[in-house]
Amino acid sequence: MGYETLIALHLLGMVLFTGNALVGGWWKSGAERSGDRRVAEFALARQASADYLFGLPGLLLLLLTGEFLSAAYFKGDSPGWVHLGRGLFLAAGLVWLAGLVPLRRAQTAALRGSQALDGRFRSLGRYWNLLAALLVVLPLANLFVMVFKPV
């Protein structure tokens, strides 16, 4: 596989992963603002599906193509910007998998048996919003590192 193909797949992974975070957050925020429990429940379920359809494939594409590019073109002696990019990538993956996914599940559980978007649901949503903002910033910072190679 050629360099251009790997870069294209790497960028596709970035678009899938970051786009999933942006669009999922936008839909979820709108659903919460509606105040309708059924709308919020539907949005959370669709967000979970989108994570598997777009977020996870994007994460895997980024990981596989990034590591293959690094190994093939730097022969194990990666420059500092590659290490910084790996760190930002790892941080984004952890925010998503260890933060946002469990919070979404907790919000879904908080909706069960409830007729309204109660305090627990909204409190979890505030934490989710903070982590979602971080999840958008980290890949964008990584994109800056990959393009401008500041280190």
C-alpha atoms as a PDB file:
ATOM      1  CA  MET A   1       0.000   0.000   0.000  1.00  0.00           C
ATOM      2  CA  GLY A   2       1.405   3.365  -0.993  1.00  0.00           C
ATOM      3  CA  TYR A   3       2.076   6.404   1.137  1.00  0.00           C
ATOM      4  CA  GLU A   4      -0.798   8.420  -0.381  1.00  0.00           C
ATOM      5  CA  THR A   5      -3.284   5.616   0.272  1.00  0.00           C
ATOM      6  CA  LEU A   6      -2.150   5.269   3.887  1.00  0.00           C
ATOM      7  CA  ILE A   7      -2.376   9.026   4.442  1.00  0.00           C
ATOM      8  CA  ALA A   8      -5.863   9.082   2.875  1.00  0.00           C
ATOM      9  CA  LEU A   9      -6.989   6.240   5.159  1.00  0.00           C
ATOM     10  CA  HIS A  10      -5.415   7.984   8.144  1.00  0.00           C
ATOM     11  CA  LEU A  11      -7.333  11.171   7.341  1.00  0.00           C
ATOM     12  CA  LEU A  12     -10.518   9.156   6.856  1.00  0.00           C
ATOM     13  CA  GLY A  13     -10.003   7.714  10.332  1.00  0.00           C
ATOM     14  CA  MET A  14      -9.594  11.226  11.717  1.00  0.00           C
ATOM     15  CA  VAL A  15     -12.772  12.421  10.013  1.00  0.00           C
ATOM     16  CA  LEU A  16     -14.766   9.392  11.252  1.00  0.00           C
ATOM     17  CA  PHE A  17     -13.507   9.618  14.833  1.00  0.00           C
ATOM     18  CA  THR A  18     -13.696  13.399  15.249  1.00  0.00           C
ATOM     19  CA  GLY A  19     -16.846  13.747  13.156  1.00  0.00           C
ATOM     20  CA  ASN A  20     -18.575  11.147  15.299  1.00  0.00           C
ATOM     21  CA  ALA A  21     -17.674  13.147  18.410  1.00  0.00           C
ATOM     22  CA  LEU A  22     -18.888  16.445  16.914  1.00  0.00           C
ATOM     23  CA  VAL A  23     -22.129  15.167  15.442  1.00  0.00           C
ATOM     24  CA  GLY A  24     -22.935  12.906  18.397  1.00  0.00           C
ATOM     25  CA  GLY A  25     -22.443  15.760  20.821  1.00  0.00           C
ATOM     26  CA  TRP A  26     -24.576  18.078  18.721  1.00  0.00           C
ATOM     27  CA  TRP A  27     -27.478  15.598  18.529  1.00  0.00           C
ATOM     28  CA  LYS A  28     -27.208  14.683  22.204  1.00  0.00           C
ATOM     29  CA  SER A  29     -27.190  18.322  23.320  1.00  0.00           C
ATOM     30  CA  GLY A  30     -30.231  19.068  21.195  1.00  0.00           C
ATOM     31  CA  ALA A  31     -32.062  16.058  22.587  1.00  0.00           C
ATOM     32  CA  GLU A  32     -31.304  17.123  26.156  1.00  0.00           C
ATOM     33  CA  ARG A  33     -32.463  20.675  25.465  1.00  0.00           C
ATOM     34  CA  SER A  34     -35.776  19.310  24.201  1.00  0.00           C
ATOM     35  CA  GLY A  35     -36.553  18.168  27.753  1.00  0.00           C
ATOM     36  CA  ASP A  36     -38.299  15.084  26.360  1.00  0.00           C
ATOM     37  CA  ARG A  37     -37.137  11.823  27.937  1.00  0.00           C
ATOM     38  CA  ARG A  38     -38.054   9.792  24.836  1.00  0.00           C
ATOM     39  CA  VAL A  39     -36.047  12.085  22.557  1.00  0.00           C
ATOM     40  CA  ALA A  40     -33.029  11.894  24.895  1.00  0.00           C
ATOM     41  CA  GLU A  41     -33.314   8.114  25.116  1.00  0.00           C
ATOM     42  CA  PHE A  42     -33.473   7.844  21.326  1.00  0.00           C
ATOM     43  CA  ALA A  43     -30.466  10.158  20.909  1.00  0.00           C
ATOM     44  CA  LEU A  44     -28.392   8.137  23.396  1.00  0.00           C
ATOM     45  CA  ALA A  45     -29.226   4.894  21.588  1.00  0.00           C
ATOM     46  CA  ARG A  46     -28.303   6.394  18.204  1.00  0.00           C
ATOM     47  CA  GLN A  47     -25.118   7.786  19.686  1.00  0.00           C
ATOM     48  CA  ALA A  48     -24.147   4.310  20.887  1.00  0.00           C
ATOM     49  CA  SER A  49     -24.786   2.941  17.393  1.00  0.00           C
ATOM     50  CA  ALA A  50     -22.755   5.733  15.802  1.00  0.00           C
ATOM     51  CA  ASP A  51     -19.858   4.971  18.153  1.00  0.00           C
ATOM     52  CA  TYR A  52     -19.720   1.428  16.775  1.00  0.00           C
ATOM     53  CA  LEU A  53     -20.344   2.419  13.158  1.00  0.00           C
ATOM     54  CA  PHE A  54     -18.079   5.484  12.963  1.00  0.00           C
ATOM     55  CA  GLY A  55     -16.094   6.163  16.142  1.00  0.00           C
ATOM     56  CA  LEU A  56     -14.574   2.718  16.611  1.00  0.00           C
ATOM     57  CA  PRO A  57     -13.652   2.222  12.920  1.00  0.00           C
ATOM     58  CA  GLY A  58     -12.152   5.726  12.910  1.00  0.00           C
ATOM     59  CA  LEU A  59     -10.134   4.943  16.029  1.00  0.00           C
ATOM     60  CA  LEU A  60      -8.877   1.666  14.531  1.00  0.00           C
ATOM     61  CA  LEU A  61      -8.021   3.288  11.190  1.00  0.00           C
ATOM     62  CA  LEU A  62      -6.050   5.991  12.964  1.00  0.00           C
ATOM     63  CA  LEU A  63      -4.207   3.465  15.101  1.00  0.00           C
ATOM     64  CA  LEU A  64      -3.355   1.007  12.335  1.00  0.00           C
ATOM     65  CA  THR A  65      -2.412   3.475   9.617  1.00  0.00           C
ATOM     66  CA  GLY A  66      -0.533   5.731  12.044  1.00  0.00           C
ATOM     67  CA  GLU A  67       1.577   2.914  13.399  1.00  0.00           C
ATOM     68  CA  PHE A  68       2.177   1.446   9.943  1.00  0.00           C
ATOM     69  CA  LEU A  69       3.253   4.845   8.575  1.00  0.00           C
ATOM     70  CA  SER A  70       5.551   5.400  11.540  1.00  0.00           C
ATOM     71  CA  ALA A  71       7.153   1.966  11.275  1.00  0.00           C
ATOM     72  CA  ALA A  72       7.528   2.106   7.497  1.00  0.00           C
ATOM     73  CA  TYR A  73       8.850   5.628   7.163  1.00  0.00           C
ATOM     74  CA  PHE A  74      10.767   6.217  10.380  1.00  0.00           C
ATOM     75  CA  LYS A  75      12.171   2.694  10.874  1.00  0.00           C
ATOM     76  CA  GLY A  76      11.577   2.749  14.626  1.00  0.00           C
ATOM     77  CA  ASP A  77      13.225   6.154  15.113  1.00  0.00           C
ATOM     78  CA  SER A  78      10.117   8.356  15.199  1.00  0.00           C
ATOM     79  CA  PRO A  79      10.558  12.119  15.562  1.00  0.00           C
ATOM     80  CA  GLY A  80       9.128  13.995  18.550  1.00  0.00           C
ATOM     81  CA  TRP A  81       5.971  15.095  16.743  1.00  0.00           C
ATOM     82  CA  VAL A  82       5.018  11.439  16.170  1.00  0.00           C
ATOM     83  CA  HIS A  83       5.404  10.709  19.894  1.00  0.00           C
ATOM     84  CA  LEU A  84       3.352  13.781  20.771  1.00  0.00           C
ATOM     85  CA  GLY A  85       0.706  12.666  18.284  1.00  0.00           C
ATOM     86  CA  ARG A  86       0.600   9.206  19.854  1.00  0.00           C
ATOM     87  CA  GLY A  87       0.113  10.768  23.274  1.00  0.00           C
ATOM     88  CA  LEU A  88      -2.730  12.980  22.053  1.00  0.00           C
ATOM     89  CA  PHE A  89      -4.292   9.993  20.289  1.00  0.00           C
ATOM     90  CA  LEU A  90      -4.062   7.864  23.423  1.00  0.00           C
ATOM     91  CA  ALA A  91      -5.587  10.665  25.506  1.00  0.00           C
ATOM     92  CA  ALA A  92      -8.495  11.038  23.048  1.00  0.00           C
ATOM     93  CA  GLY A  93      -9.095   7.287  23.003  1.00  0.00           C
ATOM     94  CA  LEU A  94      -9.112   7.163  26.799  1.00  0.00           C
ATOM     95  CA  VAL A  95     -11.489  10.122  27.074  1.00  0.00           C
ATOM     96  CA  TRP A  96     -13.858   8.400  24.680  1.00  0.00           C
ATOM     97  CA  LEU A  97     -13.639   4.809  25.925  1.00  0.00           C
ATOM     98  CA  ALA A  98     -13.118   5.399  29.654  1.00  0.00           C
ATOM     99  CA  GLY A  99     -15.115   8.617  30.006  1.00  0.00           C
ATOM    100  CA  LEU A 100     -17.804   9.259  27.437  1.00  0.00           C
ATOM    101  CA  VAL A 101     -18.994   5.704  26.830  1.00  0.00           C
ATOM    102  CA  PRO A 102     -19.528   4.941  30.554  1.00  0.00           C
ATOM    103  CA  LEU A 103     -21.207   8.327  31.079  1.00  0.00           C
ATOM    104  CA  ARG A 104     -23.572   7.670  28.167  1.00  0.00           C
ATOM    105  CA  ARG A 105     -24.436   4.287  29.678  1.00  0.00           C
ATOM    106  CA  ALA A 106     -25.019   5.896  33.071  1.00  0.00           C
ATOM    107  CA  GLN A 107     -27.288   8.501  31.492  1.00  0.00           C
ATOM    108  CA  THR A 108     -29.232   5.765  29.731  1.00  0.00           C
ATOM    109  CA  ALA A 109     -29.623   3.937  33.046  1.00  0.00           C
ATOM    110  CA  ALA A 110     -30.760   7.166  34.734  1.00  0.00           C
ATOM    111  CA  LEU A 111     -33.575   7.436  32.182  1.00  0.00           C
ATOM    112  CA  ARG A 112     -34.980   3.984  32.981  1.00  0.00           C
ATOM    113  CA  GLY A 113     -38.073   4.299  35.088  1.00  0.00           C
ATOM    114  CA  SER A 114     -37.998   8.084  34.890  1.00  0.00           C
ATOM    115  CA  GLN A 115     -40.630  10.256  33.256  1.00  0.00           C
ATOM    116  CA  ALA A 116     -38.408  13.311  32.947  1.00  0.00           C
ATOM    117  CA  LEU A 117     -34.794  14.329  32.512  1.00  0.00           C
ATOM    118  CA  ASP A 118     -33.987  14.430  36.233  1.00  0.00           C
ATOM    119  CA  GLY A 119     -31.088  15.903  38.183  1.00  0.00           C
ATOM    120  CA  ARG A 120     -28.896  12.784  37.930  1.00  0.00           C
ATOM    121  CA  PHE A 121     -29.326  12.642  34.161  1.00  0.00           C
ATOM    122  CA  ARG A 122     -28.486  16.345  33.794  1.00  0.00           C
ATOM    123  CA  SER A 123     -25.519  16.126  36.171  1.00  0.00           C
ATOM    124  CA  LEU A 124     -24.050  13.237  34.173  1.00  0.00           C
ATOM    125  CA  GLY A 125     -24.738  15.237  31.022  1.00  0.00           C
ATOM    126  CA  ARG A 126     -22.632  18.153  32.265  1.00  0.00           C
ATOM    127  CA  TYR A 127     -19.666  15.820  32.816  1.00  0.00           C
ATOM    128  CA  TRP A 128     -20.284  14.273  29.414  1.00  0.00           C
ATOM    129  CA  ASN A 129     -20.281  17.725  27.776  1.00  0.00           C
ATOM    130  CA  LEU A 130     -16.933  18.626  29.360  1.00  0.00           C
ATOM    131  CA  LEU A 131     -15.324  15.388  28.223  1.00  0.00           C
ATOM    132  CA  ALA A 132     -16.901  15.698  24.766  1.00  0.00           C
ATOM    133  CA  ALA A 133     -15.339  19.147  24.362  1.00  0.00           C
ATOM    134  CA  LEU A 134     -11.982  17.648  25.326  1.00  0.00           C
ATOM    135  CA  LEU A 135     -12.544  14.817  22.838  1.00  0.00           C
ATOM    136  CA  VAL A 136     -12.941  17.365  20.059  1.00  0.00           C
ATOM    137  CA  VAL A 137      -9.937  19.470  21.120  1.00  0.00           C
ATOM    138  CA  LEU A 138      -7.490  16.542  21.418  1.00  0.00           C
ATOM    139  CA  PRO A 139      -7.823  15.262  17.812  1.00  0.00           C
ATOM    140  CA  LEU A 140      -7.735  18.826  16.488  1.00  0.00           C
ATOM    141  CA  ALA A 141      -4.548  19.455  18.459  1.00  0.00           C
ATOM    142  CA  ASN A 142      -3.224  16.202  17.039  1.00  0.00           C
ATOM    143  CA  LEU A 143      -4.108  17.349  13.526  1.00  0.00           C
ATOM    144  CA  PHE A 144      -2.082  20.524  14.171  1.00  0.00           C
ATOM    145  CA  VAL A 145       0.878  18.413  15.347  1.00  0.00           C
ATOM    146  CA  MET A 146       0.664  16.117  12.323  1.00  0.00           C
ATOM    147  CA  VAL A 147       0.488  18.990   9.823  1.00  0.00           C
ATOM    148  CA  PHE A 148       2.959  21.477  11.336  1.00  0.00           C
ATOM    149  CA  LYS A 149       5.305  19.053  13.165  1.00  0.00           C
ATOM    150  CA  PRO A 150       6.285  21.545  15.891  1.00  0.00           C
ATOM    151  CA  VAL A 151       8.423  19.126  17.929  1.00  0.00           C
END
